[in-house]
Amino acid sequence: MNKTKRKDINIKLVLALSLSLILIVSFYAIKNSRDISSEEVIEMVGQLMVLPLDEKPTVATVSDPKKLLGQPFFDRAEEGFKVLIYARSGKAILYDPKQDKIVEVGPINFRDEKDKI
């Protein structure tokens, strides 16, 4: 083989390997970034503690922990943590889905505007 053909083959091989690597990394990133559903969160937390059975919680995701500074309940919150809010039961649960751990549990109080002093 002459140098030109060998160089073309090397370039094609490098491009093919690069493309393969990009595809593998992309697949891994997409697979790991899949957000779990509210039902999955409730089920996972329910395996760690007894949850109120008479209501379905509101489930939220912590997207910017900096915005929660100064709120003791969120002191250890990180991006991606889930918050389960049981309004009638007056409970909030902070859950880390990556480590499958409950980080914090606390009371909540929703008051009507007419109850404010």
N, C-alpha and C. Protein backbone atom coordinates (compact mmCIF):
# COMPACT_ATOMS: atom_id res chain seq x y z
N MET A 1 0.84 -1.18 0.00
CA MET A 1 0.00 0.00 0.00
C MET A 1 0.88 1.24 0.00
N ASN A 2 0.39 2.21 -0.67
CA ASN A 2 1.16 3.45 -0.68
C ASN A 2 0.75 4.30 0.53
N LYS A 3 1.48 5.38 0.76
CA LYS A 3 1.29 6.22 1.94
C LYS A 3 -0.08 6.90 1.95
N THR A 4 -0.60 7.27 0.81
CA THR A 4 -1.87 7.97 0.73
C THR A 4 -3.01 7.06 1.17
N LYS A 5 -3.02 5.80 0.69
CA LYS A 5 -4.07 4.85 1.07
C LYS A 5 -3.98 4.52 2.56
N ARG A 6 -2.77 4.35 3.05
CA ARG A 6 -2.57 4.03 4.46
C ARG A 6 -3.06 5.20 5.34
N LYS A 7 -2.79 6.42 4.91
CA LYS A 7 -3.22 7.60 5.64
C LYS A 7 -4.74 7.71 5.64
N ASP A 8 -5.38 7.42 4.49
CA ASP A 8 -6.84 7.43 4.39
C ASP A 8 -7.46 6.39 5.32
N ILE A 9 -6.87 5.22 5.37
CA ILE A 9 -7.39 4.16 6.25
C ILE A 9 -7.26 4.58 7.71
N ASN A 10 -6.13 5.17 8.08
CA ASN A 10 -5.92 5.63 9.46
C ASN A 10 -6.92 6.71 9.84
N ILE A 11 -7.17 7.63 8.93
CA ILE A 11 -8.14 8.71 9.20
C ILE A 11 -9.53 8.13 9.38
N LYS A 12 -9.92 7.19 8.51
CA LYS A 12 -11.24 6.55 8.62
C LYS A 12 -11.36 5.76 9.92
N LEU A 13 -10.29 5.10 10.32
CA LEU A 13 -10.29 4.32 11.55
C LEU A 13 -10.44 5.24 12.76
N VAL A 14 -9.71 6.34 12.77
CA VAL A 14 -9.81 7.30 13.87
C VAL A 14 -11.20 7.90 13.92
N LEU A 15 -11.77 8.25 12.78
CA LEU A 15 -13.13 8.80 12.75
C LEU A 15 -14.16 7.78 13.24
N ALA A 16 -14.01 6.55 12.82
CA ALA A 16 -14.93 5.49 13.23
C ALA A 16 -14.84 5.26 14.74
N LEU A 17 -13.64 5.22 15.28
CA LEU A 17 -13.47 5.04 16.72
C LEU A 17 -14.01 6.23 17.49
N SER A 18 -13.78 7.43 16.99
CA SER A 18 -14.29 8.64 17.64
C SER A 18 -15.81 8.65 17.66
N LEU A 19 -16.42 8.31 16.54
CA LEU A 19 -17.87 8.26 16.46
C LEU A 19 -18.43 7.21 17.43
N SER A 20 -17.78 6.05 17.48
CA SER A 20 -18.21 5.00 18.40
C SER A 20 -18.13 5.47 19.85
N LEU A 21 -17.05 6.14 20.18
CA LEU A 21 -16.87 6.64 21.54
C LEU A 21 -17.94 7.68 21.88
N ILE A 22 -18.22 8.57 20.95
CA ILE A 22 -19.25 9.59 21.16
C ILE A 22 -20.62 8.93 21.37
N LEU A 23 -20.93 7.94 20.58
CA LEU A 23 -22.21 7.24 20.72
C LEU A 23 -22.32 6.53 22.06
N ILE A 24 -21.25 5.89 22.49
CA ILE A 24 -21.26 5.17 23.77
C ILE A 24 -21.44 6.15 24.92
N VAL A 25 -20.69 7.24 24.91
CA VAL A 25 -20.80 8.24 25.97
C VAL A 25 -22.18 8.88 25.97
N SER A 26 -22.72 9.18 24.81
CA SER A 26 -24.06 9.77 24.71
C SER A 26 -25.13 8.82 25.26
N PHE A 27 -25.04 7.57 24.88
CA PHE A 27 -26.00 6.57 25.36
C PHE A 27 -25.94 6.48 26.88
N TYR A 28 -24.75 6.43 27.44
CA TYR A 28 -24.57 6.34 28.88
C TYR A 28 -25.15 7.57 29.58
N ALA A 29 -24.88 8.75 29.04
CA ALA A 29 -25.37 10.00 29.63
C ALA A 29 -26.89 10.06 29.60
N ILE A 30 -27.49 9.69 28.48
CA ILE A 30 -28.95 9.70 28.35
C ILE A 30 -29.57 8.69 29.30
N LYS A 31 -28.99 7.52 29.38
CA LYS A 31 -29.51 6.47 30.25
C LYS A 31 -29.48 6.91 31.71
N ASN A 32 -28.40 7.54 32.14
CA ASN A 32 -28.27 7.94 33.53
C ASN A 32 -28.99 9.23 33.86
N SER A 33 -29.34 10.02 32.88
CA SER A 33 -30.01 11.28 33.16
C SER A 33 -31.53 11.16 33.13
N ARG A 34 -32.03 10.00 32.84
CA ARG A 34 -33.48 9.80 32.80
C ARG A 34 -34.08 10.14 34.16
N ASP A 35 -35.03 11.04 34.15
CA ASP A 35 -35.67 11.45 35.38
C ASP A 35 -36.71 10.40 35.75
N ILE A 36 -36.69 10.01 37.01
CA ILE A 36 -37.65 9.00 37.44
C ILE A 36 -39.02 9.65 37.63
N SER A 37 -40.04 8.87 37.43
CA SER A 37 -41.40 9.39 37.53
C SER A 37 -41.80 9.60 39.00
N SER A 38 -42.84 10.38 39.19
CA SER A 38 -43.35 10.63 40.54
C SER A 38 -43.75 9.32 41.22
N GLU A 39 -44.38 8.45 40.45
CA GLU A 39 -44.80 7.17 41.02
C GLU A 39 -43.61 6.34 41.47
N GLU A 40 -42.53 6.37 40.69
CA GLU A 40 -41.32 5.64 41.08
C GLU A 40 -40.71 6.23 42.35
N VAL A 41 -40.72 7.56 42.45
CA VAL A 41 -40.19 8.21 43.65
C VAL A 41 -41.00 7.80 44.87
N ILE A 42 -42.32 7.85 44.76
CA ILE A 42 -43.19 7.48 45.87
C ILE A 42 -42.94 6.03 46.28
N GLU A 43 -42.81 5.16 45.31
CA GLU A 43 -42.56 3.75 45.60
C GLU A 43 -41.20 3.56 46.30
N MET A 44 -40.18 4.25 45.82
CA MET A 44 -38.84 4.11 46.40
C MET A 44 -38.81 4.64 47.84
N VAL A 45 -39.43 5.80 48.06
CA VAL A 45 -39.47 6.36 49.41
C VAL A 45 -40.33 5.48 50.31
N GLY A 46 -41.39 4.93 49.76
CA GLY A 46 -42.26 4.04 50.52
C GLY A 46 -41.58 2.77 50.99
N GLN A 47 -40.49 2.40 50.35
CA GLN A 47 -39.72 1.24 50.80
C GLN A 47 -38.79 1.61 51.96
N LEU A 48 -38.59 2.90 52.16
CA LEU A 48 -37.68 3.36 53.21
C LEU A 48 -38.42 3.82 54.47
N MET A 49 -39.68 4.25 54.30
CA MET A 49 -40.45 4.71 55.45
C MET A 49 -41.94 4.53 55.16
N VAL A 50 -42.73 4.60 56.22
CA VAL A 50 -44.18 4.50 56.08
C VAL A 50 -44.71 5.86 55.62
N LEU A 51 -45.44 5.85 54.52
CA LEU A 51 -45.99 7.08 53.95
C LEU A 51 -47.48 7.17 54.23
N PRO A 52 -48.03 8.38 54.26
CA PRO A 52 -49.48 8.52 54.41
C PRO A 52 -50.20 7.80 53.27
N LEU A 53 -51.19 7.03 53.62
CA LEU A 53 -51.91 6.24 52.62
C LEU A 53 -53.13 6.96 52.06
N ASP A 54 -53.59 7.99 52.75
CA ASP A 54 -54.84 8.64 52.38
C ASP A 54 -54.68 9.80 51.41
N GLU A 55 -53.46 10.05 50.92
CA GLU A 55 -53.27 11.13 49.96
C GLU A 55 -52.06 10.85 49.07
N LYS A 56 -52.12 11.44 47.90
CA LYS A 56 -51.01 11.34 46.96
C LYS A 56 -50.19 12.62 47.08
N PRO A 57 -48.87 12.49 47.24
CA PRO A 57 -48.07 13.69 47.44
C PRO A 57 -47.81 14.44 46.14
N THR A 58 -47.45 15.69 46.29
CA THR A 58 -46.89 16.46 45.19
C THR A 58 -45.40 16.15 45.20
N VAL A 59 -44.85 15.83 44.05
CA VAL A 59 -43.43 15.51 43.96
C VAL A 59 -42.75 16.58 43.11
N ALA A 60 -41.69 17.15 43.66
CA ALA A 60 -40.93 18.19 42.97
C ALA A 60 -39.45 17.80 42.95
N THR A 61 -38.71 18.39 42.02
CA THR A 61 -37.28 18.13 41.90
C THR A 61 -36.51 19.40 42.23
N VAL A 62 -35.48 19.25 43.05
CA VAL A 62 -34.61 20.39 43.36
C VAL A 62 -33.77 20.67 42.13
N SER A 63 -33.95 21.84 41.56
CA SER A 63 -33.19 22.18 40.36
C SER A 63 -32.07 23.19 40.65
N ASP A 64 -32.25 24.02 41.68
CA ASP A 64 -31.23 25.01 42.02
C ASP A 64 -31.16 25.15 43.54
N PRO A 65 -30.29 24.36 44.19
CA PRO A 65 -30.21 24.41 45.66
C PRO A 65 -29.85 25.79 46.20
N LYS A 66 -29.18 26.62 45.42
CA LYS A 66 -28.81 27.97 45.88
C LYS A 66 -30.04 28.81 46.20
N LYS A 67 -31.13 28.56 45.49
CA LYS A 67 -32.36 29.31 45.72
C LYS A 67 -33.02 28.90 47.04
N LEU A 68 -32.57 27.81 47.63
CA LEU A 68 -33.18 27.30 48.86
C LEU A 68 -32.34 27.61 50.09
N LEU A 69 -31.26 28.37 49.92
CA LEU A 69 -30.40 28.72 51.05
C LEU A 69 -31.20 29.44 52.12
N GLY A 70 -30.89 29.15 53.36
CA GLY A 70 -31.59 29.79 54.47
C GLY A 70 -32.82 29.03 54.92
N GLN A 71 -33.17 27.96 54.23
CA GLN A 71 -34.29 27.12 54.63
C GLN A 71 -33.71 25.83 55.20
N PRO A 72 -33.76 25.66 56.53
CA PRO A 72 -33.10 24.51 57.17
C PRO A 72 -33.47 23.15 56.57
N PHE A 73 -34.72 23.03 56.14
CA PHE A 73 -35.14 21.75 55.55
C PHE A 73 -34.28 21.38 54.35
N PHE A 74 -33.81 22.38 53.60
CA PHE A 74 -33.05 22.14 52.38
C PHE A 74 -31.54 22.32 52.56
N ASP A 75 -31.06 22.35 53.81
CA ASP A 75 -29.62 22.56 54.05
C ASP A 75 -28.73 21.57 53.30
N ARG A 76 -29.16 20.33 53.19
CA ARG A 76 -28.34 19.31 52.51
C ARG A 76 -28.86 18.95 51.12
N ALA A 77 -29.76 19.77 50.61
CA ALA A 77 -30.34 19.49 49.30
C ALA A 77 -29.31 19.70 48.19
N GLU A 78 -29.39 18.85 47.19
CA GLU A 78 -28.54 18.95 46.01
C GLU A 78 -29.43 18.86 44.78
N GLU A 79 -28.89 19.31 43.66
CA GLU A 79 -29.64 19.23 42.42
C GLU A 79 -30.04 17.78 42.14
N GLY A 80 -31.30 17.59 41.79
CA GLY A 80 -31.80 16.25 41.48
C GLY A 80 -32.52 15.59 42.64
N PHE A 81 -32.37 16.12 43.86
CA PHE A 81 -33.10 15.56 44.99
C PHE A 81 -34.60 15.74 44.75
N LYS A 82 -35.39 14.86 45.31
CA LYS A 82 -36.84 14.92 45.17
C LYS A 82 -37.47 15.37 46.49
N VAL A 83 -38.56 16.13 46.38
CA VAL A 83 -39.30 16.57 47.55
C VAL A 83 -40.72 16.04 47.42
N LEU A 84 -41.16 15.29 48.42
CA LEU A 84 -42.54 14.80 48.47
C LEU A 84 -43.27 15.66 49.47
N ILE A 85 -44.37 16.26 49.06
CA ILE A 85 -45.14 17.15 49.93
C ILE A 85 -46.52 16.55 50.16
N TYR A 86 -46.79 16.20 51.40
CA TYR A 86 -48.09 15.68 51.80
C TYR A 86 -48.82 16.82 52.53
N ALA A 87 -49.64 17.55 51.79
CA ALA A 87 -50.29 18.75 52.33
C ALA A 87 -51.24 18.45 53.48
N ARG A 88 -52.13 17.48 53.30
CA ARG A 88 -53.11 17.16 54.35
C ARG A 88 -52.44 16.59 55.59
N SER A 89 -51.42 15.79 55.39
CA SER A 89 -50.71 15.18 56.53
C SER A 89 -49.70 16.14 57.13
N GLY A 90 -49.38 17.21 56.42
CA GLY A 90 -48.45 18.20 56.93
C GLY A 90 -47.01 17.72 56.99
N LYS A 91 -46.61 16.92 55.99
CA LYS A 91 -45.25 16.38 55.97
C LYS A 91 -44.56 16.68 54.65
N ALA A 92 -43.25 16.89 54.76
CA ALA A 92 -42.41 17.02 53.57
C ALA A 92 -41.23 16.08 53.74
N ILE A 93 -40.82 15.46 52.63
CA ILE A 93 -39.72 14.50 52.65
C ILE A 93 -38.75 14.88 51.56
N LEU A 94 -37.47 15.01 51.93
CA LEU A 94 -36.40 15.28 50.99
C LEU A 94 -35.68 13.98 50.73
N TYR A 95 -35.60 13.57 49.47
CA TYR A 95 -35.10 12.25 49.10
C TYR A 95 -34.00 12.36 48.05
N ASP A 96 -32.92 11.61 48.26
CA ASP A 96 -31.82 11.54 47.30
C ASP A 96 -31.96 10.25 46.50
N PRO A 97 -32.42 10.34 45.24
CA PRO A 97 -32.64 9.12 44.46
C PRO A 97 -31.34 8.41 44.05
N LYS A 98 -30.23 9.13 43.97
CA LYS A 98 -28.97 8.49 43.58
C LYS A 98 -28.47 7.56 44.67
N GLN A 99 -28.58 7.99 45.92
CA GLN A 99 -28.13 7.15 47.02
C GLN A 99 -29.27 6.36 47.66
N ASP A 100 -30.50 6.60 47.18
CA ASP A 100 -31.68 5.95 47.72
C ASP A 100 -31.77 6.15 49.23
N LYS A 101 -31.68 7.44 49.63
CA LYS A 101 -31.73 7.78 51.05
C LYS A 101 -32.67 8.94 51.29
N ILE A 102 -33.34 8.89 52.41
CA ILE A 102 -34.13 10.01 52.87
C ILE A 102 -33.17 10.95 53.58
N VAL A 103 -33.14 12.19 53.14
CA VAL A 103 -32.20 13.17 53.66
C VAL A 103 -32.82 13.97 54.81
N GLU A 104 -34.10 14.26 54.68
CA GLU A 104 -34.77 15.10 55.69
C GLU A 104 -36.26 14.83 55.66
N VAL A 105 -36.89 14.91 56.83
CA VAL A 105 -38.34 14.84 56.96
C VAL A 105 -38.73 15.98 57.87
N GLY A 106 -39.76 16.71 57.49
CA GLY A 106 -40.16 17.83 58.33
C GLY A 106 -41.63 18.16 58.18
N PRO A 107 -42.14 18.93 59.15
CA PRO A 107 -43.54 19.36 59.08
C PRO A 107 -43.70 20.54 58.13
N ILE A 108 -44.88 20.63 57.56
CA ILE A 108 -45.23 21.80 56.75
C ILE A 108 -46.56 22.33 57.24
N ASN A 109 -46.80 23.59 57.00
CA ASN A 109 -48.04 24.20 57.44
C ASN A 109 -48.51 25.14 56.35
N PHE A 110 -49.61 24.80 55.73
CA PHE A 110 -50.23 25.68 54.74
C PHE A 110 -51.37 26.41 55.44
N ARG A 111 -51.26 27.71 55.48
CA ARG A 111 -52.29 28.51 56.13
C ARG A 111 -53.01 29.34 55.09
N ASP A 112 -54.30 29.50 55.28
CA ASP A 112 -55.10 30.36 54.40
C ASP A 112 -54.71 31.82 54.67
N GLU A 113 -54.93 32.65 53.65
CA GLU A 113 -54.66 34.07 53.78
C GLU A 113 -55.44 34.67 54.95
N LYS A 114 -56.67 34.21 55.20
CA LYS A 114 -57.50 34.76 56.28
C LYS A 114 -56.94 34.42 57.66
N ASP A 115 -56.07 33.38 57.74
CA ASP A 115 -55.49 33.01 59.03
C ASP A 115 -54.26 33.84 59.39
N LYS A 116 -53.75 34.63 58.43
CA LYS A 116 -52.56 35.43 58.71
C LYS A 116 -52.89 36.60 59.61
N ILE A 117 -51.96 36.93 60.45
CA ILE A 117 -52.16 38.04 61.40
C ILE A 117 -51.73 39.34 60.74
